[in-house]
PDB file of N, CA and C in Angstrom:
ATOM      1  N   MET A   1     -28.919 -76.595  33.256  1.00  0.00           N
ATOM      2  CA  MET A   1     -28.375 -75.609  32.400  1.00  0.00           C
ATOM      3  C   MET A   1     -28.989 -75.738  31.082  1.00  0.00           C
ATOM      4  N   ALA A   2     -29.284 -74.895  30.337  1.00  0.00           N
ATOM      5  CA  ALA A   2     -29.890 -75.169  29.068  1.00  0.00           C
ATOM      6  C   ALA A   2     -28.710 -75.303  28.035  1.00  0.00           C
ATOM      7  N   LEU A   3     -29.195 -75.821  26.901  1.00  0.00           N
ATOM      8  CA  LEU A   3     -27.939 -75.893  25.867  1.00  0.00           C
ATOM      9  C   LEU A   3     -27.384 -74.634  25.486  1.00  0.00           C
ATOM     10  N   GLN A   4     -26.158 -74.491  25.079  1.00  0.00           N
ATOM     11  CA  GLN A   4     -25.453 -73.622  24.701  1.00  0.00           C
ATOM     12  C   GLN A   4     -24.713 -73.957  23.418  1.00  0.00           C
ATOM     13  N   TYR A   5     -24.941 -73.297  22.288  1.00  0.00           N
ATOM     14  CA  TYR A   5     -24.337 -73.597  21.105  1.00  0.00           C
ATOM     15  C   TYR A   5     -23.127 -72.323  20.893  1.00  0.00           C
ATOM     16  N   SER A   6     -21.965 -72.944  20.205  1.00  0.00           N
ATOM     17  CA  SER A   6     -21.099 -71.904  19.697  1.00  0.00           C
ATOM     18  C   SER A   6     -20.326 -72.504  18.482  1.00  0.00           C
ATOM     19  N   ASN A   7     -20.231 -71.484  17.538  1.00  0.00           N
ATOM     20  CA  ASN A   7     -19.408 -71.962  16.430  1.00  0.00           C
ATOM     21  C   ASN A   7     -17.984 -71.258  16.446  1.00  0.00           C
ATOM     22  N   ILE A   8     -17.044 -72.043  16.670  1.00  0.00           N
ATOM     23  CA  ILE A   8     -15.664 -71.385  16.918  1.00  0.00           C
ATOM     24  C   ILE A   8     -14.679 -71.568  15.725  1.00  0.00           C
ATOM     25  N   THR A   9     -14.246 -70.408  15.339  1.00  0.00           N
ATOM     26  CA  THR A   9     -13.262 -70.435  14.297  1.00  0.00           C
ATOM     27  C   THR A   9     -12.087 -69.739  14.470  1.00  0.00           C
ATOM     28  N   GLY A  10     -10.955 -69.989  13.738  1.00  0.00           N
ATOM     29  CA  GLY A  10      -9.735 -69.303  14.036  1.00  0.00           C
ATOM     30  C   GLY A  10      -8.815 -69.663  15.202  1.00  0.00           C
ATOM     31  N   SER A  11      -7.732 -69.241  15.377  1.00  0.00           N
ATOM     32  CA  SER A  11      -6.760 -69.786  16.398  1.00  0.00           C
ATOM     33  C   SER A  11      -6.813 -68.701  17.756  1.00  0.00           C
ATOM     34  N   SER A  12      -7.634 -67.702  17.633  1.00  0.00           N
ATOM     35  CA  SER A  12      -7.610 -66.949  18.936  1.00  0.00           C
ATOM     36  C   SER A  12      -8.441 -67.544  19.908  1.00  0.00           C
ATOM     37  N   ALA A  13      -7.839 -67.530  21.257  1.00  0.00           N
ATOM     38  CA  ALA A  13      -8.681 -68.007  22.489  1.00  0.00           C
ATOM     39  C   ALA A  13     -10.079 -67.379  22.581  1.00  0.00           C
ATOM     40  N   GLN A  14     -11.092 -68.081  22.927  1.00  0.00           N
ATOM     41  CA  GLN A  14     -12.359 -67.759  22.875  1.00  0.00           C
ATOM     42  C   GLN A  14     -13.043 -68.178  24.213  1.00  0.00           C
ATOM     43  N   VAL A  15     -13.852 -67.280  24.832  1.00  0.00           N
ATOM     44  CA  VAL A  15     -14.515 -67.569  26.102  1.00  0.00           C
ATOM     45  C   VAL A  15     -15.712 -68.418  25.722  1.00  0.00           C
ATOM     46  N   LEU A  16     -15.952 -69.399  26.283  1.00  0.00           N
ATOM     47  CA  LEU A  16     -17.055 -70.281  26.233  1.00  0.00           C
ATOM     48  C   LEU A  16     -18.204 -70.035  27.273  1.00  0.00           C
ATOM     49  N   VAL A  17     -17.776 -69.762  28.492  1.00  0.00           N
ATOM     50  CA  VAL A  17     -18.558 -69.565  29.643  1.00  0.00           C
ATOM     51  C   VAL A  17     -17.725 -68.505  30.447  1.00  0.00           C
ATOM     52  N   ALA A  18     -18.257 -67.431  30.761  1.00  0.00           N
ATOM     53  CA  ALA A  18     -17.867 -66.475  31.614  1.00  0.00           C
ATOM     54  C   ALA A  18     -17.742 -66.736  33.042  1.00  0.00           C
ATOM     55  N   LYS A  19     -16.893 -66.341  33.851  1.00  0.00           N
ATOM     56  CA  LYS A  19     -16.750 -66.463  35.049  1.00  0.00           C
ATOM     57  C   LYS A  19     -18.043 -65.676  35.956  1.00  0.00           C
ATOM     58  N   ARG A  20     -18.471 -66.323  36.964  1.00  0.00           N
ATOM     59  CA  ARG A  20     -19.435 -65.672  37.732  1.00  0.00           C
ATOM     60  C   ARG A  20     -19.099 -64.549  38.602  1.00  0.00           C
ATOM     61  N   LYS A  21     -18.094 -64.564  39.232  1.00  0.00           N
ATOM     62  CA  LYS A  21     -17.716 -63.683  40.129  1.00  0.00           C
ATOM     63  C   LYS A  21     -16.770 -62.578  39.435  1.00  0.00           C
ATOM     64  N   VAL A  22     -17.092 -61.213  39.308  1.00  0.00           N
ATOM     65  CA  VAL A  22     -16.304 -60.395  39.059  1.00  0.00           C
ATOM     66  C   VAL A  22     -15.895 -59.027  39.993  1.00  0.00           C
ATOM     67  N   ARG A  23     -14.689 -58.832  40.101  1.00  0.00           N
ATOM     68  CA  ARG A  23     -14.253 -57.772  41.031  1.00  0.00           C
ATOM     69  C   ARG A  23     -14.701 -56.516  40.549  1.00  0.00           C
ATOM     70  N   ASN A  24     -15.339 -55.804  41.473  1.00  0.00           N
ATOM     71  CA  ASN A  24     -15.762 -54.430  41.024  1.00  0.00           C
ATOM     72  C   ASN A  24     -14.403 -53.525  41.062  1.00  0.00           C
ATOM     73  N   ALA A  25     -14.114 -52.829  40.003  1.00  0.00           N
ATOM     74  CA  ALA A  25     -12.879 -52.135  39.805  1.00  0.00           C
ATOM     75  C   ALA A  25     -12.900 -51.007  40.661  1.00  0.00           C
ATOM     76  N   SER A  26     -13.853 -50.416  41.004  1.00  0.00           N
ATOM     77  CA  SER A  26     -13.990 -49.062  41.816  1.00  0.00           C
ATOM     78  C   SER A  26     -13.929 -49.490  43.375  1.00  0.00           C
ATOM     79  N   THR A  27     -14.721 -50.494  43.947  1.00  0.00           N
ATOM     80  CA  THR A  27     -14.762 -51.059  45.213  1.00  0.00           C
ATOM     81  C   THR A  27     -14.093 -52.016  45.675  1.00  0.00           C
ATOM     82  N   GLY A  28     -13.613 -52.764  44.888  1.00  0.00           N
ATOM     83  CA  GLY A  28     -12.700 -54.201  45.001  1.00  0.00           C
ATOM     84  C   GLY A  28     -13.682 -55.158  45.545  1.00  0.00           C
ATOM     85  N   ALA A  29     -14.890 -54.933  45.760  1.00  0.00           N
ATOM     86  CA  ALA A  29     -15.972 -56.012  46.173  1.00  0.00           C
ATOM     87  C   ALA A  29     -16.197 -56.902  45.134  1.00  0.00           C
ATOM     88  N   ILE A  30     -16.595 -58.282  45.477  1.00  0.00           N
ATOM     89  CA  ILE A  30     -17.188 -59.164  44.577  1.00  0.00           C
ATOM     90  C   ILE A  30     -18.468 -58.978  44.128  1.00  0.00           C
ATOM     91  N   ASP A  31     -18.752 -58.738  42.718  1.00  0.00           N
ATOM     92  CA  ASP A  31     -19.977 -58.597  42.355  1.00  0.00           C
ATOM     93  C   ASP A  31     -20.411 -60.035  41.605  1.00  0.00           C
ATOM     94  N   VAL A  32     -21.322 -60.683  41.907  1.00  0.00           N
ATOM     95  CA  VAL A  32     -22.032 -61.788  41.336  1.00  0.00           C
ATOM     96  C   VAL A  32     -22.911 -61.299  40.135  1.00  0.00           C
ATOM     97  N   THR A  33     -22.299 -61.433  38.853  1.00  0.00           N
ATOM     98  CA  THR A  33     -23.003 -60.693  37.920  1.00  0.00           C
ATOM     99  C   THR A  33     -23.608 -61.877  36.795  1.00  0.00           C
ATOM    100  N   PHE A  34     -23.275 -63.025  36.886  1.00  0.00           N
ATOM    101  CA  PHE A  34     -23.867 -63.975  36.134  1.00  0.00           C
ATOM    102  C   PHE A  34     -24.441 -65.237  36.998  1.00  0.00           C
ATOM    103  N   SER A  35     -25.287 -65.875  36.372  1.00  0.00           N
ATOM    104  CA  SER A  35     -25.907 -67.005  37.071  1.00  0.00           C
ATOM    105  C   SER A  35     -24.713 -68.138  36.874  1.00  0.00           C
ATOM    106  N   SER A  36     -24.749 -68.916  37.910  1.00  0.00           N
ATOM    107  CA  SER A  36     -23.729 -70.180  37.826  1.00  0.00           C
ATOM    108  C   SER A  36     -24.483 -71.234  37.031  1.00  0.00           C
ATOM    109  N   GLN A  37     -23.263 -71.961  36.347  1.00  0.00           N
ATOM    110  CA  GLN A  37     -23.544 -72.969  35.545  1.00  0.00           C
ATOM    111  C   GLN A  37     -22.656 -74.107  35.990  1.00  0.00           C
ATOM    112  N   ASP A  38     -23.463 -75.463  35.984  1.00  0.00           N
ATOM    113  CA  ASP A  38     -22.791 -76.565  36.294  1.00  0.00           C
ATOM    114  C   ASP A  38     -23.046 -77.264  35.026  1.00  0.00           C
ATOM    115  N   ILE A  39     -21.815 -77.575  34.405  1.00  0.00           N
ATOM    116  CA  ILE A  39     -21.750 -78.142  33.214  1.00  0.00           C
ATOM    117  C   ILE A  39     -21.831 -79.848  33.268  1.00  0.00           C
ATOM    118  N   LYS A  40     -22.485 -80.430  32.381  1.00  0.00           N
ATOM    119  CA  LYS A  40     -22.747 -81.881  32.554  1.00  0.00           C
ATOM    120  C   LYS A  40     -21.893 -82.445  31.212  1.00  0.00           C
ATOM    121  N   THR A  41     -22.136 -81.978  30.173  1.00  0.00           N
ATOM    122  CA  THR A  41     -21.285 -82.375  28.913  1.00  0.00           C
ATOM    123  C   THR A  41     -20.735 -81.194  28.034  1.00  0.00           C
ATOM    124  N   ILE A  42     -19.655 -81.480  27.239  1.00  0.00           N
ATOM    125  CA  ILE A  42     -19.264 -80.702  26.356  1.00  0.00           C
ATOM    126  C   ILE A  42     -18.858 -81.396  24.962  1.00  0.00           C
ATOM    127  N   SER A  43     -19.505 -81.091  23.921  1.00  0.00           N
ATOM    128  CA  SER A  43     -19.389 -81.892  22.622  1.00  0.00           C
ATOM    129  C   SER A  43     -18.661 -80.909  21.873  1.00  0.00           C
ATOM    130  N   LEU A  44     -17.470 -81.272  21.196  1.00  0.00           N
ATOM    131  CA  LEU A  44     -16.587 -80.659  20.165  1.00  0.00           C
ATOM    132  C   LEU A  44     -16.663 -81.203  18.922  1.00  0.00           C
ATOM    133  N   CYS A  45     -17.190 -80.833  17.954  1.00  0.00           N
ATOM    134  CA  CYS A  45     -17.293 -81.257  16.640  1.00  0.00           C
ATOM    135  C   CYS A  45     -16.377 -80.580  15.691  1.00  0.00           C
ATOM    136  N   ASN A  46     -15.657 -81.305  15.074  1.00  0.00           N
ATOM    137  CA  ASN A  46     -14.772 -80.493  14.037  1.00  0.00           C
ATOM    138  C   ASN A  46     -15.627 -80.391  12.713  1.00  0.00           C
ATOM    139  N   ILE A  47     -15.911 -79.444  12.146  1.00  0.00           N
ATOM    140  CA  ILE A  47     -16.788 -79.337  11.218  1.00  0.00           C
ATOM    141  C   ILE A  47     -15.886 -78.770   9.885  1.00  0.00           C
ATOM    142  N   HIS A  48     -14.571 -78.941   9.990  1.00  0.00           N
ATOM    143  CA  HIS A  48     -13.826 -78.497   8.833  1.00  0.00           C
ATOM    144  C   HIS A  48     -13.837 -79.472   7.740  1.00  0.00           C
ATOM    145  N   ALA A  49     -13.866 -79.216   6.480  1.00  0.00           N
ATOM    146  CA  ALA A  49     -13.949 -80.219   5.404  1.00  0.00           C
ATOM    147  C   ALA A  49     -12.997 -81.317   5.232  1.00  0.00           C
ATOM    148  N   THR A  50     -11.724 -80.556   5.666  1.00  0.00           N
ATOM    149  CA  THR A  50     -10.620 -81.566   5.206  1.00  0.00           C
ATOM    150  C   THR A  50      -9.692 -81.917   6.394  1.00  0.00           C
ATOM    151  N   ASP A  51      -9.486 -80.640   7.268  1.00  0.00           N
ATOM    152  CA  ASP A  51      -8.385 -80.681   8.203  1.00  0.00           C
ATOM    153  C   ASP A  51      -8.605 -81.248   9.647  1.00  0.00           C
ATOM    154  N   ASP A  52      -7.713 -81.755  10.276  1.00  0.00           N
ATOM    155  CA  ASP A  52      -7.959 -82.175  11.875  1.00  0.00           C
ATOM    156  C   ASP A  52      -7.632 -80.694  12.377  1.00  0.00           C
ATOM    157  N   VAL A  53      -8.169 -80.637  13.741  1.00  0.00           N
ATOM    158  CA  VAL A  53      -8.028 -79.572  14.636  1.00  0.00           C
ATOM    159  C   VAL A  53      -7.371 -79.919  15.774  1.00  0.00           C
ATOM    160  N   ILE A  54      -6.441 -79.234  16.352  1.00  0.00           N
ATOM    161  CA  ILE A  54      -5.859 -79.420  17.648  1.00  0.00           C
ATOM    162  C   ILE A  54      -6.458 -78.525  18.512  1.00  0.00           C
ATOM    163  N   VAL A  55      -7.136 -79.014  19.704  1.00  0.00           N
ATOM    164  CA  VAL A  55      -7.760 -78.069  20.640  1.00  0.00           C
ATOM    165  C   VAL A  55      -7.261 -78.065  21.845  1.00  0.00           C
ATOM    166  N   ALA A  56      -7.315 -76.719  22.631  1.00  0.00           N
ATOM    167  CA  ALA A  56      -6.991 -76.516  23.970  1.00  0.00           C
ATOM    168  C   ALA A  56      -8.362 -76.152  24.605  1.00  0.00           C
ATOM    169  N   LEU A  57      -8.848 -76.759  25.666  1.00  0.00           N
ATOM    170  CA  LEU A  57      -9.927 -76.275  26.449  1.00  0.00           C
ATOM    171  C   LEU A  57      -9.562 -76.149  27.881  1.00  0.00           C
ATOM    172  N   TYR A  58      -9.778 -75.033  28.458  1.00  0.00           N
ATOM    173  CA  TYR A  58      -9.094 -74.719  29.749  1.00  0.00           C
ATOM    174  C   TYR A  58     -10.079 -73.739  30.481  1.00  0.00           C
ATOM    175  N   ILE A  59      -9.581 -73.776  31.867  1.00  0.00           N
ATOM    176  CA  ILE A  59     -10.221 -72.710  32.726  1.00  0.00           C
ATOM    177  C   ILE A  59      -9.222 -71.760  33.151  1.00  0.00           C
ATOM    178  N   TYR A  60      -9.656 -70.421  33.071  1.00  0.00           N
ATOM    179  CA  TYR A  60      -8.628 -69.339  33.239  1.00  0.00           C
ATOM    180  C   TYR A  60      -9.060 -68.325  34.134  1.00  0.00           C
ATOM    181  N   ASP A  61      -8.291 -67.733  34.966  1.00  0.00           N
ATOM    182  CA  ASP A  61      -8.452 -66.592  35.658  1.00  0.00           C
ATOM    183  C   ASP A  61      -6.870 -65.790  35.762  1.00  0.00           C
ATOM    184  N   SER A  62      -7.076 -64.531  35.407  1.00  0.00           N
ATOM    185  CA  SER A  62      -5.945 -63.720  35.444  1.00  0.00           C
ATOM    186  C   SER A  62      -5.050 -63.673  36.416  1.00  0.00           C
ATOM    187  N   THR A  63      -5.761 -63.864  37.718  1.00  0.00           N
ATOM    188  CA  THR A  63      -4.978 -64.118  39.090  1.00  0.00           C
ATOM    189  C   THR A  63      -4.742 -65.681  39.476  1.00  0.00           C
ATOM    190  N   LEU A  64      -5.632 -66.407  39.230  1.00  0.00           N
ATOM    191  CA  LEU A  64      -5.425 -67.755  39.807  1.00  0.00           C
ATOM    192  C   LEU A  64      -4.808 -68.719  38.608  1.00  0.00           C
ATOM    193  N   GLY A  65      -4.712 -68.403  37.480  1.00  0.00           N
ATOM    194  CA  GLY A  65      -4.013 -69.124  36.250  1.00  0.00           C
ATOM    195  C   GLY A  65      -4.855 -69.873  35.342  1.00  0.00           C
ATOM    196  N   THR A  66      -4.155 -70.749  34.806  1.00  0.00           N
ATOM    197  CA  THR A  66      -4.772 -71.611  33.608  1.00  0.00           C
ATOM    198  C   THR A  66      -4.639 -73.054  34.149  1.00  0.00           C
ATOM    199  N   TYR A  67      -5.627 -73.702  33.766  1.00  0.00           N
ATOM    200  CA  TYR A  67      -5.855 -75.025  34.041  1.00  0.00           C
ATOM    201  C   TYR A  67      -6.430 -75.804  32.923  1.00  0.00           C
ATOM    202  N   TYR A  68      -5.665 -76.742  32.193  1.00  0.00           N
ATOM    203  CA  TYR A  68      -6.076 -77.234  31.117  1.00  0.00           C
ATOM    204  C   TYR A  68      -7.059 -78.609  31.399  1.00  0.00           C
ATOM    205  N   ILE A  69      -8.292 -78.732  30.621  1.00  0.00           N
ATOM    206  CA  ILE A  69      -9.128 -79.837  30.562  1.00  0.00           C
ATOM    207  C   ILE A  69      -8.555 -80.717  29.394  1.00  0.00           C
ATOM    208  N   LEU A  70      -8.207 -80.187  28.191  1.00  0.00           N
ATOM    209  CA  LEU A  70      -7.638 -80.709  27.123  1.00  0.00           C
ATOM    210  C   LEU A  70      -6.403 -79.774  26.564  1.00  0.00           C
ATOM    211  N   LYS A  71      -5.251 -80.436  26.303  1.00  0.00           N
ATOM    212  CA  LYS A  71      -4.188 -79.516  25.614  1.00  0.00           C
ATOM    213  C   LYS A  71      -3.797 -80.526  24.521  1.00  0.00           C
ATOM    214  N   ASN A  72      -3.606 -79.848  23.372  1.00  0.00           N
ATOM    215  CA  ASN A  72      -3.064 -80.273  22.267  1.00  0.00           C
ATOM    216  C   ASN A  72      -3.786 -81.785  21.665  1.00  0.00           C
ATOM    217  N   VAL A  73      -4.884 -81.594  21.870  1.00  0.00           N
ATOM    218  CA  VAL A  73      -5.893 -82.738  21.428  1.00  0.00           C
ATOM    219  C   VAL A  73      -6.238 -82.662  20.205  1.00  0.00           C
ATOM    220  N   THR A  74      -5.874 -83.622  19.216  1.00  0.00           N
ATOM    221  CA  THR A  74      -6.435 -83.728  17.745  1.00  0.00           C
ATOM    222  C   THR A  74      -7.669 -84.287  17.772  1.00  0.00           C
ATOM    223  N   ILE A  75      -8.674 -83.606  17.038  1.00  0.00           N
ATOM    224  CA  ILE A  75      -9.879 -84.172  16.374  1.00  0.00           C
ATOM    225  C   ILE A  75      -9.969 -84.089  14.983  1.00  0.00           C
ATOM    226  N   PRO A  76      -9.993 -85.440  14.597  1.00  0.00           N
ATOM    227  CA  PRO A  76     -10.049 -85.515  12.991  1.00  0.00           C
ATOM    228  C   PRO A  76     -11.150 -84.725  12.353  1.00  0.00           C
ATOM    229  N   ASN A  77     -11.108 -84.449  11.160  1.00  0.00           N
ATOM    230  CA  ASN A  77     -12.258 -83.741  10.351  1.00  0.00           C
ATOM    231  C   ASN A  77     -13.471 -84.653  10.448  1.00  0.00           C
ATOM    232  N   GLY A  78     -14.509 -84.064  10.720  1.00  0.00           N
ATOM    233  CA  GLY A  78     -15.567 -84.884  10.697  1.00  0.00           C
ATOM    234  C   GLY A  78     -16.014 -85.536  11.972  1.00  0.00           C
ATOM    235  N   SER A  79     -15.065 -85.545  13.096  1.00  0.00           N
ATOM    236  CA  SER A  79     -15.149 -86.298  14.244  1.00  0.00           C
ATOM    237  C   SER A  79     -15.630 -85.649  15.286  1.00  0.00           C
ATOM    238  N   THR A  80     -16.313 -86.173  16.218  1.00  0.00           N
ATOM    239  CA  THR A  80     -16.940 -85.321  17.563  1.00  0.00           C
ATOM    240  C   THR A  80     -16.228 -85.927  18.770  1.00  0.00           C
ATOM    241  N   LEU A  81     -15.819 -85.194  19.686  1.00  0.00           N
ATOM    242  CA  LEU A  81     -15.261 -85.566  21.111  1.00  0.00           C
ATOM    243  C   LEU A  81     -16.217 -85.116  22.084  1.00  0.00           C
ATOM    244  N   VAL A  82     -16.833 -85.973  22.887  1.00  0.00           N
ATOM    245  CA  VAL A  82     -17.591 -85.637  23.990  1.00  0.00           C
ATOM    246  C   VAL A  82     -17.058 -85.896  25.234  1.00  0.00           C
ATOM    247  N   LEU A  83     -16.965 -84.845  26.028  1.00  0.00           N
ATOM    248  CA  LEU A  83     -16.612 -84.922  27.557  1.00  0.00           C
ATOM    249  C   LEU A  83     -17.697 -84.907  28.385  1.00  0.00           C
ATOM    250  N   ASP A  84     -17.871 -85.911  29.408  1.00  0.00           N
ATOM    251  CA  ASP A  84     -18.945 -85.641  30.379  1.00  0.00           C
ATOM    252  C   ASP A  84     -18.573 -85.320  31.824  1.00  0.00           C
ATOM    253  N   SER A  85     -19.109 -85.217  32.925  1.00  0.00           N
ATOM    254  CA  SER A  85     -18.864 -84.776  34.152  1.00  0.00           C
ATOM    255  C   SER A  85     -17.902 -85.644  34.847  1.00  0.00           C
ATOM    256  N   LYS A  86     -17.813 -86.866  34.344  1.00  0.00           N
ATOM    257  CA  LYS A  86     -16.663 -87.928  34.725  1.00  0.00           C
ATOM    258  C   LYS A  86     -15.324 -87.319  34.241  1.00  0.00           C
ATOM    259  N   ASP A  87     -15.100 -86.710  33.139  1.00  0.00           N
ATOM    260  CA  ASP A  87     -13.887 -86.333  32.554  1.00  0.00           C
ATOM    261  C   ASP A  87     -13.304 -84.881  33.014  1.00  0.00           C
ATOM    262  N   PHE A  88     -14.439 -84.007  33.878  1.00  0.00           N
ATOM    263  CA  PHE A  88     -13.801 -82.948  34.318  1.00  0.00           C
ATOM    264  C   PHE A  88     -14.777 -82.287  35.159  1.00  0.00           C
ATOM    265  N   SER A  89     -14.517 -81.378  36.189  1.00  0.00           N
ATOM    266  CA  SER A  89     -15.372 -80.848  36.849  1.00  0.00           C
ATOM    267  C   SER A  89     -15.210 -79.158  36.763  1.00  0.00           C
ATOM    268  N   TYR A  90     -16.242 -78.480  36.654  1.00  0.00           N
ATOM    269  CA  TYR A  90     -16.060 -76.931  36.443  1.00  0.00           C
ATOM    270  C   TYR A  90     -17.166 -76.321  36.938  1.00  0.00           C
ATOM    271  N   TRP A  91     -16.999 -75.150  37.662  1.00  0.00           N
ATOM    272  CA  TRP A  91     -18.061 -74.281  38.059  1.00  0.00           C
ATOM    273  C   TRP A  91     -17.437 -72.966  37.946  1.00  0.00           C
ATOM    274  N   ASN A  92     -18.338 -71.977  37.253  1.00  0.00           N
ATOM    275  CA  ASN A  92     -17.864 -70.822  36.651  1.00  0.00           C
ATOM    276  C   ASN A  92     -17.864 -69.760  37.606  1.00  0.00           C
ATOM    277  N   GLY A  93     -17.642 -70.038  39.006  1.00  0.00           N
ATOM    278  CA  GLY A  93     -17.751 -68.960  39.947  1.00  0.00           C
ATOM    279  C   GLY A  93     -16.394 -68.214  39.981  1.00  0.00           C
ATOM    280  N   ASP A  94     -15.165 -68.858  39.699  1.00  0.00           N
ATOM    281  CA  ASP A  94     -13.956 -68.120  39.714  1.00  0.00           C
ATOM    282  C   ASP A  94     -13.374 -68.201  38.290  1.00  0.00           C
ATOM    283  N   TYR A  95     -13.615 -68.925  37.570  1.00  0.00           N
ATOM    284  CA  TYR A  95     -12.817 -69.219  36.210  1.00  0.00           C
ATOM    285  C   TYR A  95     -13.735 -69.015  35.022  1.00  0.00           C
ATOM    286  N   GLU A  96     -13.055 -68.591  33.882  1.00  0.00           N
ATOM    287  CA  GLU A  96     -13.699 -68.516  32.663  1.00  0.00           C
ATOM    288  C   GLU A  96     -13.310 -69.894  32.033  1.00  0.00           C
ATOM    289  N   LEU A  97     -14.397 -70.471  31.131  1.00  0.00           N
ATOM    290  CA  LEU A  97     -14.126 -71.757  30.343  1.00  0.00           C
ATOM    291  C   LEU A  97     -13.674 -71.279  28.871  1.00  0.00           C
ATOM    292  N   LYS A  98     -12.407 -71.489  28.466  1.00  0.00           N
ATOM    293  CA  LYS A  98     -11.884 -70.964  27.196  1.00  0.00           C
ATOM    294  C   LYS A  98     -11.616 -72.092  26.154  1.00  0.00           C
ATOM    295  N   ILE A  99     -11.503 -71.767  25.008  1.00  0.00           N
ATOM    296  CA  ILE A  99     -11.117 -72.794  24.042  1.00  0.00           C
ATOM    297  C   ILE A  99     -10.303 -72.055  22.886  1.00  0.00           C
ATOM    298  N   LYS A 100      -9.121 -72.858  22.461  1.00  0.00           N
ATOM    299  CA  LYS A 100      -8.270 -72.256  21.478  1.00  0.00           C
ATOM    300  C   LYS A 100      -8.007 -73.290  20.523  1.00  0.00           C
ATOM    301  N   LEU A 101      -8.264 -72.975  19.367  1.00  0.00           N
ATOM    302  CA  LEU A 101      -7.999 -73.861  17.998  1.00  0.00           C
ATOM    303  C   LEU A 101      -6.577 -73.483  17.537  1.00  0.00           C
ATOM    304  N   ASN A 102      -5.881 -74.457  16.820  1.00  0.00           N
ATOM    305  CA  ASN A 102      -4.494 -74.406  16.324  1.00  0.00           C
ATOM    306  C   ASN A 102      -4.294 -73.611  15.189  1.00  0.00           C
ATOM    307  N   ALA A 103      -5.323 -73.447  14.335  1.00  0.00           N
ATOM    308  CA  ALA A 103      -5.089 -72.746  12.998  1.00  0.00           C
ATOM    309  C   ALA A 103      -6.212 -71.764  12.607  1.00  0.00           C
ATOM    310  N   ALA A 104      -5.723 -70.596  11.866  1.00  0.00           N
ATOM    311  CA  ALA A 104      -6.636 -69.770  11.622  1.00  0.00           C
ATOM    312  C   ALA A 104      -7.933 -70.251  10.739  1.00  0.00           C
ATOM    313  N   GLY A 105      -7.780 -71.414  10.067  1.00  0.00           N
ATOM    314  CA  GLY A 105      -8.864 -71.862   9.130  1.00  0.00           C
ATOM    315  C   GLY A 105      -9.606 -73.098   9.916  1.00  0.00           C
ATOM    316  N   SER A 106      -9.228 -73.330  11.219  1.00  0.00           N
ATOM    317  CA  SER A 106      -9.947 -74.356  12.085  1.00  0.00           C
ATOM    318  C   SER A 106     -11.331 -73.896  12.255  1.00  0.00           C
ATOM    319  N   ALA A 107     -12.249 -74.841  12.517  1.00  0.00           N
ATOM    320  CA  ALA A 107     -13.766 -74.709  12.817  1.00  0.00           C
ATOM    321  C   ALA A 107     -14.148 -75.707  13.744  1.00  0.00           C
ATOM    322  N   VAL A 108     -14.733 -75.526  14.760  1.00  0.00           N
ATOM    323  CA  VAL A 108     -15.447 -76.475  15.652  1.00  0.00           C
ATOM    324  C   VAL A 108     -16.683 -76.034  16.122  1.00  0.00           C
ATOM    325  N   ASP A 109     -17.661 -76.898  16.158  1.00  0.00           N
ATOM    326  CA  ASP A 109     -18.982 -76.519  16.985  1.00  0.00           C
ATOM    327  C   ASP A 109     -18.802 -77.024  18.084  1.00  0.00           C
ATOM    328  N   VAL A 110     -19.348 -76.259  19.165  1.00  0.00           N
ATOM    329  CA  VAL A 110     -19.359 -76.510  20.628  1.00  0.00           C
ATOM    330  C   VAL A 110     -20.706 -76.674  21.107  1.00  0.00           C
ATOM    331  N   MET A 111     -21.310 -77.712  21.724  1.00  0.00           N
ATOM    332  CA  MET A 111     -22.303 -77.748  22.477  1.00  0.00           C
ATOM    333  C   MET A 111     -22.146 -78.243  24.013  1.00  0.00           C
ATOM    334  N   ILE A 112     -22.645 -77.167  24.753  1.00  0.00           N
ATOM    335  CA  ILE A 112     -22.313 -77.164  26.226  1.00  0.00           C
ATOM    336  C   ILE A 112     -23.782 -77.549  26.887  1.00  0.00           C
ATOM    337  N   LYS A 113     -24.053 -78.585  27.689  1.00  0.00           N
ATOM    338  CA  LYS A 113     -25.226 -78.760  28.610  1.00  0.00           C
ATOM    339  C   LYS A 113     -24.841 -79.045  30.110  1.00  0.00           C
TER     340      LYS A 113
END
C-alpha cells in the first residue's frame, strides 16, 4: 500500500480507510468497489500547539458493529504514537477504519502505510 496522509481536526468521527465491500442497495449483491488495503503501520502525531488529544481509533460496520484498536488514548502535544502490524490486524473488506478526537480544537496528522 502507498502512503496515505490525513489531517484530522475536530471531534467528529472520520473515515480513514473505506470498506471494500459495499452492498448494492437495489440488488442486495456485494459490490467490490475499492481495492483492498493491508495496513502495516499507522502513525498518529498530535500537532496541536499546547493541548493533549484523546484518540479513539476503531473499525466499524453498521451491521457488524464497532471494534476499538485504541480508545481514550492520550497523545501529548508534539508527540507521535506509531502502531505496527504487531499491534493490530485490519483488512478493509468488511469494515471502515475510523478515528475520533476528543475536542473541536484537536488536530492530528495520520500517516498510514
